[in-house]
Amino acid sequence: MRNWWLVGLIFLGCERPFIETSEPELVVVEPDLTEVQTSRVITLRVQSIHFRAVQGVLLNGIPMDPAPPGPAYWQASINLRLGLNTFFLEATDQEGVSRRDTAYAAYLPHLISRNAPALPDGRGGHSLARLRNGNLMVTGGTRRRGGPAQGESFLLNRRSGTFSQMQDRLSTPRTGHTATVLPDGQILIVGGSRIDSPSRVSDLIETVELYTPAGREPAFSEIPVQGQPIRRTNHVAIVREANGEWLLDLIGGYGDVRYGSNPSFGVRRDLRTFKVELDGLTALNTINSAPFIDHPIADHTVTEAAHDTYFILGSQFDDGTAVNGNMRITYPHSAGRTLSPLPGLLTPRTAHATAPVLNGLFAAFGGRLESSEITTEIELLHEQTDQFFSMKPSQAMVPRYHHTAISVGIRSVILIGGFNQNGTAITASEYFIVSRE
């Protein structure tokens, strides 16, 4: 009888009813939150289903109203803020079992303006860089798809708002290259090819050029590369500082995937690093010793998000399959890097352009689909939540790919050049402008 109390507790426990702890389902019915919302005020309607009756749903801690068509639906009217909106949802059944979830909505009123400066001559596959004085420099590219590379550069004066052809030319005409701004204001021109849509290693350009702003001569000058040469085009480039040195990372692109005595043209997946000095570049690894990303990628974009954090966005179409090439690159330490995958684009695309449009929001403009058709649909990425949102432009945009985009002023982006569906380079530019609330 020493354990009579234990037997009593067992019987008391049996008197307590068993409660199934499975959580209620919670689904946003409308609006479609994968799309950017066009109205400032929305009615959020959710459905919560469970084998027990759901007593109610909270939105950010406030009860939602019952909604048609029946007892499983709730709704609430919401005033959206510009940018990302976060909704904390909680559904509770009659036994007090809750399901919590988080939903996001993007609100970005905007307008498209074609009242923008036109290039003196159409270009696609060019590079775009912002000089220290705020002017924009368009360099290289081609006049048509498959055409020869051009050596001219055009300058967009930020005061006059017009393009003019620069007197200085690239030492080697190129397309598909990168133009990266160094900390001292000079522009590093790397990679590219002699023609658009190259198919041979011999089409690639190994030389590197440095653009020195006006006032120093010459403006464009070649600098040597020590180590395994650069053989890639339609890649991305990142310049970063580590231990007081400038380093250049080159990622993906079309190029030599083998090197040695038997070079082979293909899509690259290596990440090569070079030390940047005023008198040249020094390779710190080779294609064999360089780290590899998950998938070969080309015609993708890179955008700086926060200090030492970059987004790489783009798809790779392989035998009818769209391979997701999206990733985040972070440089947490002076000599290291972290690569982490991102969700895929809602509409897989390549040869697009990317630019920040609002604090924490980045937009992918245009590009080509797997069908080779050009899309004008925009996708937004929120940097903290890794959420993508699709957005149809408020006005018709110029269909383009292999173009460039860059932020100009507050909440404004200019899109420059690119090719149309026929493969002809475009002269027209256009602005994407986030409207004020």
Foldseek 3Di string as FASTA:
>chain_A
DVCPVVVVVVVVVVVDDDDDQDAWDKAWPDDPQLAADADQKDKTKMFTDDPAQWPFKDKVNHTFDADPDDRRMGIDIDGHDAAKDKIWMWIAGPVGRIDIDMDMHHYFDWAKFLPAAFAPAFFFQWEWDAFPVGKIKTAWGDQFAFAFIFFWMWIQDPVVRYIDIDPDTAPQGWGQWYWDADPVRKTKTQKGFGTHPDADQVRIDQWIWIADDPPDPPRIDTADEADDTDRFGQWDWDWDAFPNWIKIKTAWGWGFLDDDPDTHTDIAFFIWMWTDDPRHIYTPDDSVPTDGDPDRDGQWDWDDQDVQKIWIFAWDQDPNDTHGPIWMWGDPHRPDIDIDHADHAPFGFGQWEKEDQDRQKIKTAWGAHPVRAIDGWIWIAGNPVSRIHIYDHPDDDQHFGSWYKYDDPHRKIKIAWGAHSNGGITRGMMMIHGDDD
